[in-house]
Amino acid sequence: MMSTGLGHGTESPPGLRERNKRDKLLRIRHAARSLFEEKGYDSTTIREIAARANVAPATVFLYAKEKRDLLYLIFRDDLHELLNGCERRVRENASFLQQLMDYFSPILEFWRPNPELARAVLREQFNLTGDGKADVSSVRDQIDAFLKRLITNAQKTKEVRSDVSIQLLIDSIWANFRFYNDDWMRDESPVLDAGVRKLKVGLKLLLDGIADKRSGRRRKLNRRA
């Protein structure tokens, strides 16, 4: 039987007003990103973004209350896509340390071409409000959910202590990554291999502290027996 197209759940195409709003948002995002990359975040003004997007400055403020909100308006979708790719790169049978490196290394690679813009994103995330703050929370929620899966598996394989709360372990791993990531990005031209090496050393030191030592003792006793 031929469908009439009038069944439940059928979405009507967006009207002219909605299409105009989407078009303006797209132009604002493209204008902001290109200017941030050309001039730097700090040197770019809302008026310049509006002029390049061919909209009034007041229109920009309809989509972003402050300039910093544009950072996450620009990168929100990119960051979620990046994290999806990071998750796919993690090898199921690798050690916990290698899984973390599989996950975090592409993030360094993502920011390497424009460290100045990366520093602005990391700096301004603490000052966001409204939708921008919600965007940051959604990114962190995705990271936390995946790290929880990795940690849970690592506890089952006795690579990580099981007597410490998972959220504390997540926060410790994330703080470790942020420290080495931020330190690496202070360089005007960060070298990816150097950043990855330092991150791996830092994560290994952390994991040595949260390793399941009881499992190691059991293995030593078994070897002695």
Protein backbone atom coordinates (compact mmCIF):
# COMPACT_ATOMS: atom_id res chain seq x y z
CA MET A 1 0.00 0.00 0.00
CA MET A 2 1.38 3.40 -0.90
CA SER A 3 2.11 5.66 2.05
CA THR A 4 0.30 8.97 2.19
CA GLY A 5 3.21 10.56 4.09
CA LEU A 6 0.77 11.80 6.73
CA GLY A 7 1.46 9.18 9.38
CA HIS A 8 2.59 9.85 12.93
CA GLY A 9 6.23 10.86 13.35
CA THR A 10 6.51 12.48 9.91
CA GLU A 11 8.40 15.76 10.16
CA SER A 12 7.44 18.60 7.90
CA PRO A 13 10.29 20.43 6.15
CA PRO A 14 11.52 23.58 7.92
CA GLY A 15 9.78 26.79 6.95
CA LEU A 16 11.45 29.85 5.45
CA ARG A 17 12.01 31.49 8.85
CA GLU A 18 13.69 28.38 10.27
CA ARG A 19 15.87 28.00 7.17
CA ASN A 20 16.97 31.62 7.49
CA LYS A 21 17.90 31.07 11.14
CA ARG A 22 19.95 27.99 10.27
CA ASP A 23 21.68 29.84 7.44
CA LYS A 24 22.62 32.74 9.71
CA LEU A 25 23.93 30.39 12.37
CA LEU A 26 26.03 28.54 9.81
CA ARG A 27 27.47 31.82 8.47
CA ILE A 28 28.26 33.04 11.98
CA ARG A 29 30.01 29.78 12.87
CA HIS A 30 32.09 29.81 9.69
CA ALA A 31 32.95 33.51 10.10
CA ALA A 32 33.98 33.10 13.74
CA ARG A 33 36.10 30.05 13.07
CA SER A 34 37.93 31.56 10.12
CA LEU A 35 38.64 34.82 11.99
CA PHE A 36 39.77 33.02 15.13
CA GLU A 37 42.19 30.98 13.01
CA GLU A 38 43.41 33.99 11.00
CA LYS A 39 43.66 36.68 13.68
CA GLY A 40 43.54 34.75 16.92
CA TYR A 41 40.67 34.50 19.37
CA ASP A 42 41.71 37.44 21.54
CA SER A 43 42.18 39.82 18.58
CA THR A 44 38.83 39.07 16.93
CA THR A 45 35.77 41.21 17.71
CA ILE A 46 32.07 40.43 17.49
CA ARG A 47 31.71 43.28 14.99
CA GLU A 48 34.26 41.63 12.68
CA ILE A 49 32.48 38.29 12.95
CA ALA A 50 29.14 39.93 12.14
CA ALA A 51 30.60 41.75 9.14
CA ARG A 52 32.10 38.58 7.67
CA ALA A 53 28.87 36.65 8.29
CA ASN A 54 26.86 39.51 6.69
CA VAL A 55 24.62 39.93 9.74
CA ALA A 56 24.14 42.66 12.32
CA PRO A 57 26.20 42.42 15.54
CA ALA A 58 22.95 42.10 17.48
CA THR A 59 22.17 38.95 15.47
CA VAL A 60 25.38 37.31 16.65
CA PHE A 61 24.26 37.87 20.25
CA LEU A 62 21.06 35.96 19.55
CA TYR A 63 23.20 32.83 19.14
CA ALA A 64 26.04 33.59 21.56
CA LYS A 65 25.75 35.87 24.59
CA GLU A 66 29.51 36.48 24.62
CA LYS A 67 32.43 35.88 22.30
CA ARG A 68 33.60 32.92 24.38
CA ASP A 69 30.29 31.16 23.73
CA LEU A 70 31.17 31.13 20.03
CA LEU A 71 34.13 28.85 20.76
CA TYR A 72 31.84 26.03 21.79
CA LEU A 73 29.23 26.93 19.20
CA ILE A 74 32.03 26.30 16.68
CA PHE A 75 33.66 23.22 18.20
CA ARG A 76 30.75 21.43 19.89
CA ASP A 77 30.02 19.07 17.00
CA ASP A 78 33.72 18.68 16.16
CA LEU A 79 34.53 17.67 19.73
CA HIS A 80 31.81 15.03 19.90
CA GLU A 81 32.91 13.65 16.52
CA LEU A 82 36.52 13.67 17.75
CA LEU A 83 35.59 11.73 20.89
CA ASN A 84 33.62 9.20 18.85
CA GLY A 85 36.74 8.61 16.78
CA CYS A 86 38.89 8.32 19.93
CA GLU A 87 36.57 5.61 21.24
CA ARG A 88 36.81 3.65 18.00
CA ARG A 89 40.62 3.72 18.15
CA VAL A 90 40.83 2.04 21.55
CA ARG A 91 41.99 -1.57 21.20
CA GLU A 92 39.92 -3.95 23.27
CA ASN A 93 42.74 -6.32 24.23
CA ALA A 94 45.43 -3.69 24.86
CA SER A 95 46.73 -2.82 28.32
CA PHE A 96 44.88 -0.13 30.25
CA LEU A 97 47.76 2.30 29.70
CA GLN A 98 47.72 1.68 25.96
CA GLN A 99 43.94 2.07 25.85
CA LEU A 100 44.27 5.48 27.49
CA MET A 101 46.95 6.45 24.99
CA ASP A 102 44.75 5.23 22.12
CA TYR A 103 41.99 7.46 23.47
CA PHE A 104 43.90 10.62 24.37
CA SER A 105 46.52 10.84 21.59
CA PRO A 106 44.04 11.89 18.86
CA ILE A 107 42.96 14.82 21.05
CA LEU A 108 46.52 16.17 21.00
CA GLU A 109 46.63 15.60 17.26
CA PHE A 110 43.33 17.48 16.85
CA TRP A 111 44.60 20.63 18.61
CA ARG A 112 48.18 20.62 17.30
CA PRO A 113 47.59 22.68 14.09
CA ASN A 114 46.27 25.66 16.07
CA PRO A 115 47.58 25.68 19.65
CA GLU A 116 46.57 29.31 20.23
CA LEU A 117 42.94 28.53 19.53
CA ALA A 118 43.19 25.36 21.62
CA ARG A 119 44.49 27.39 24.57
CA ALA A 120 41.56 29.78 24.22
CA VAL A 121 39.04 26.91 24.22
CA LEU A 122 40.59 25.38 27.34
CA ARG A 123 40.85 28.74 29.10
CA GLU A 124 37.35 29.98 28.38
CA GLN A 125 35.52 26.77 29.25
CA PHE A 126 35.52 27.79 32.92
CA ASN A 127 33.76 31.10 32.18
CA LEU A 128 30.91 29.84 30.03
CA THR A 129 27.24 30.21 30.91
CA GLY A 130 23.97 28.96 29.45
CA ASP A 131 24.23 26.85 26.31
CA GLY A 132 28.02 27.08 26.24
CA LYS A 133 28.28 25.63 29.73
CA ALA A 134 25.87 22.86 28.74
CA ASP A 135 28.03 22.11 25.69
CA VAL A 136 31.11 21.70 27.88
CA SER A 137 29.17 19.45 30.24
CA SER A 138 28.01 17.24 27.39
CA VAL A 139 31.61 16.80 26.18
CA ARG A 140 32.83 15.95 29.67
CA ASP A 141 29.91 13.55 30.17
CA GLN A 142 30.93 11.66 27.03
CA ILE A 143 34.54 11.45 28.24
CA ASP A 144 33.49 10.30 31.71
CA ALA A 145 31.18 7.61 30.34
CA PHE A 146 33.91 6.09 28.18
CA LEU A 147 36.59 6.28 30.86
CA LYS A 148 34.18 4.54 33.21
CA ARG A 149 33.93 1.64 30.77
CA LEU A 150 37.71 1.39 30.47
CA ILE A 151 38.23 1.57 34.23
CA THR A 152 35.55 -1.02 34.93
CA ASN A 153 37.25 -3.44 32.54
CA ALA A 154 40.67 -2.64 34.01
CA GLN A 155 39.37 -3.44 37.48
CA LYS A 156 38.12 -6.79 36.22
CA THR A 157 41.56 -7.60 34.81
CA LYS A 158 43.19 -6.45 38.09
CA GLU A 159 45.09 -3.61 36.41
CA VAL A 160 43.38 -1.02 38.61
CA ARG A 161 42.38 -1.08 42.25
CA SER A 162 38.73 -1.82 42.89
CA ASP A 163 38.62 -0.21 46.35
CA VAL A 164 38.66 3.34 44.95
CA SER A 165 35.55 5.02 43.57
CA ILE A 166 35.35 5.02 39.78
CA GLN A 167 34.52 8.73 39.69
CA LEU A 168 37.68 9.54 41.66
CA LEU A 169 39.70 7.45 39.20
CA ILE A 170 38.04 9.22 36.25
CA ASP A 171 38.79 12.64 37.74
CA SER A 172 42.41 11.67 38.45
CA ILE A 173 43.01 10.39 34.92
CA TRP A 174 41.33 13.43 33.35
CA ALA A 175 43.32 15.84 35.55
CA ASN A 176 46.52 14.04 34.58
CA PHE A 177 45.70 14.34 30.89
CA ARG A 178 44.75 18.02 31.24
CA PHE A 179 48.03 18.83 33.00
CA TYR A 180 50.23 17.30 30.31
CA ASN A 181 48.00 18.52 27.48
CA ASP A 182 48.00 22.11 28.76
CA ASP A 183 51.74 22.03 29.40
CA TRP A 184 52.37 20.71 25.87
CA MET A 185 50.20 23.38 24.27
CA ARG A 186 52.14 26.23 25.89
CA ASP A 187 54.73 25.71 23.16
CA GLU A 188 54.16 27.97 20.16
CA SER A 189 54.74 25.00 17.82
CA PRO A 190 54.00 21.86 19.84
CA VAL A 191 55.56 18.64 18.56
CA LEU A 192 53.05 15.79 18.61
CA ASP A 193 55.52 12.98 19.37
CA ALA A 194 56.97 14.90 22.32
CA GLY A 195 53.51 15.54 23.73
CA VAL A 196 52.51 11.90 23.38
CA ARG A 197 55.71 10.72 25.10
CA LYS A 198 55.27 13.05 28.07
CA LEU A 199 51.61 12.11 28.39
CA LYS A 200 52.46 8.40 28.41
CA VAL A 201 55.06 8.89 31.16
CA GLY A 202 52.58 10.89 33.23
CA LEU A 203 49.79 8.36 32.82
CA LYS A 204 52.12 5.48 33.65
CA LEU A 205 53.16 7.19 36.91
CA LEU A 206 49.51 7.66 37.79
CA LEU A 207 48.57 4.08 36.93
CA ASP A 208 51.48 2.75 39.01
CA GLY A 209 49.83 4.46 41.96
CA ILE A 210 46.36 3.02 41.36
CA ALA A 211 47.46 -0.45 40.24
CA ASP A 212 46.00 -3.44 42.06
CA LYS A 213 49.07 -4.33 44.13
CA ARG A 214 47.30 -7.33 45.64
CA SER A 215 47.16 -8.90 42.18
CA GLY A 216 50.89 -8.38 41.82
CA ARG A 217 51.58 -9.99 45.15
CA ARG A 218 49.45 -12.98 44.22
CA ARG A 219 51.40 -13.39 40.98
CA LYS A 220 54.71 -13.28 42.87
CA LEU A 221 53.49 -15.89 45.38
CA ASN A 222 52.34 -18.10 42.52
CA ARG A 223 55.73 -17.81 40.84
CA ARG A 224 57.48 -18.71 44.10
CA ALA A 225 55.21 -21.70 44.61
